[in-house]
Amino acid sequence: MKISQKIRDEHGDGPTAVESGYDTEALAGMAEKSAEFAAQGNRVYLPLAD
């Protein structure tokens, strides 16, 4: 708990969080993978290839 509070104090929490370029990059990567998943039919289990 003390470690978590120290991180919040140094970097913010929720709306006061420090933004970084990583956030934008991560969101773009997740959107790309989401589109790839949708293009494959939104199915978790795909048929086995021959």
C-alpha atoms as a PDB file:
ATOM      1  CA  MET A   1       0.000   0.000   0.000  1.00  0.00           C
ATOM      2  CA  LYS A   2       2.830   2.366   0.767  1.00  0.00           C
ATOM      3  CA  ILE A   3       4.424   1.679  -2.624  1.00  0.00           C
ATOM      4  CA  SER A   4       1.116   2.278  -4.440  1.00  0.00           C
ATOM      5  CA  GLN A   5       0.631   5.583  -2.635  1.00  0.00           C
ATOM      6  CA  LYS A   6       4.169   6.678  -3.482  1.00  0.00           C
ATOM      7  CA  ILE A   7       3.528   5.955  -7.184  1.00  0.00           C
ATOM      8  CA  ARG A   8       0.263   7.946  -7.055  1.00  0.00           C
ATOM      9  CA  ASP A   9       2.043  10.848  -5.361  1.00  0.00           C
ATOM     10  CA  GLU A  10       4.816  10.928  -7.955  1.00  0.00           C
ATOM     11  CA  HIS A  11       2.828  10.241 -11.141  1.00  0.00           C
ATOM     12  CA  GLY A  12      -0.737  11.221 -10.382  1.00  0.00           C
ATOM     13  CA  ASP A  13      -3.883   9.151 -10.245  1.00  0.00           C
ATOM     14  CA  GLY A  14      -6.861   9.116 -12.599  1.00  0.00           C
ATOM     15  CA  PRO A  15      -7.397  12.527 -14.216  1.00  0.00           C
ATOM     16  CA  THR A  16      -4.170  13.884 -12.693  1.00  0.00           C
ATOM     17  CA  ALA A  17      -2.058  11.066 -14.157  1.00  0.00           C
ATOM     18  CA  VAL A  18       1.007  12.030 -16.145  1.00  0.00           C
ATOM     19  CA  GLU A  19       0.404  11.382 -19.830  1.00  0.00           C
ATOM     20  CA  SER A  20       3.089   9.924 -22.027  1.00  0.00           C
ATOM     21  CA  GLY A  21       3.519   9.063 -25.701  1.00  0.00           C
ATOM     22  CA  TYR A  22       3.259   5.416 -24.688  1.00  0.00           C
ATOM     23  CA  ASP A  23      -0.458   5.825 -23.998  1.00  0.00           C
ATOM     24  CA  THR A  24      -1.136   6.991 -27.558  1.00  0.00           C
ATOM     25  CA  GLU A  25       1.080   4.289 -29.030  1.00  0.00           C
ATOM     26  CA  ALA A  26      -0.570   1.566 -26.928  1.00  0.00           C
ATOM     27  CA  LEU A  27      -4.081   2.685 -27.892  1.00  0.00           C
ATOM     28  CA  ALA A  28      -3.131   2.719 -31.584  1.00  0.00           C
ATOM     29  CA  GLY A  29      -1.723  -0.810 -31.287  1.00  0.00           C
ATOM     30  CA  MET A  30      -4.852  -2.072 -29.547  1.00  0.00           C
ATOM     31  CA  ALA A  31      -7.061  -0.503 -32.246  1.00  0.00           C
ATOM     32  CA  GLU A  32      -4.963  -2.198 -34.935  1.00  0.00           C
ATOM     33  CA  LYS A  33      -5.279  -5.604 -33.246  1.00  0.00           C
ATOM     34  CA  SER A  34      -9.006  -5.043 -32.744  1.00  0.00           C
ATOM     35  CA  ALA A  35      -9.442  -4.399 -36.475  1.00  0.00           C
ATOM     36  CA  GLU A  36      -7.376  -7.511 -37.270  1.00  0.00           C
ATOM     37  CA  PHE A  37      -9.568  -9.577 -34.934  1.00  0.00           C
ATOM     38  CA  ALA A  38     -12.755  -8.201 -36.536  1.00  0.00           C
ATOM     39  CA  ALA A  39     -11.415  -9.001 -40.018  1.00  0.00           C
ATOM     40  CA  GLN A  40     -10.996 -12.640 -38.953  1.00  0.00           C
ATOM     41  CA  GLY A  41     -14.644 -12.866 -37.906  1.00  0.00           C
ATOM     42  CA  ASN A  42     -14.451 -11.907 -34.219  1.00  0.00           C
ATOM     43  CA  ARG A  43     -13.960 -15.554 -33.275  1.00  0.00           C
ATOM     44  CA  VAL A  44     -11.660 -16.660 -30.490  1.00  0.00           C
ATOM     45  CA  TYR A  45     -11.310 -20.227 -31.713  1.00  0.00           C
ATOM     46  CA  LEU A  46     -10.385 -20.462 -35.384  1.00  0.00           C
ATOM     47  CA  PRO A  47     -10.586 -23.678 -37.399  1.00  0.00           C
ATOM     48  CA  LEU A  48      -7.380 -25.693 -37.672  1.00  0.00           C
ATOM     49  CA  ALA A  49      -5.414 -25.229 -40.891  1.00  0.00           C
ATOM     50  CA  ASP A  50      -4.738 -28.292 -43.034  1.00  0.00           C
END
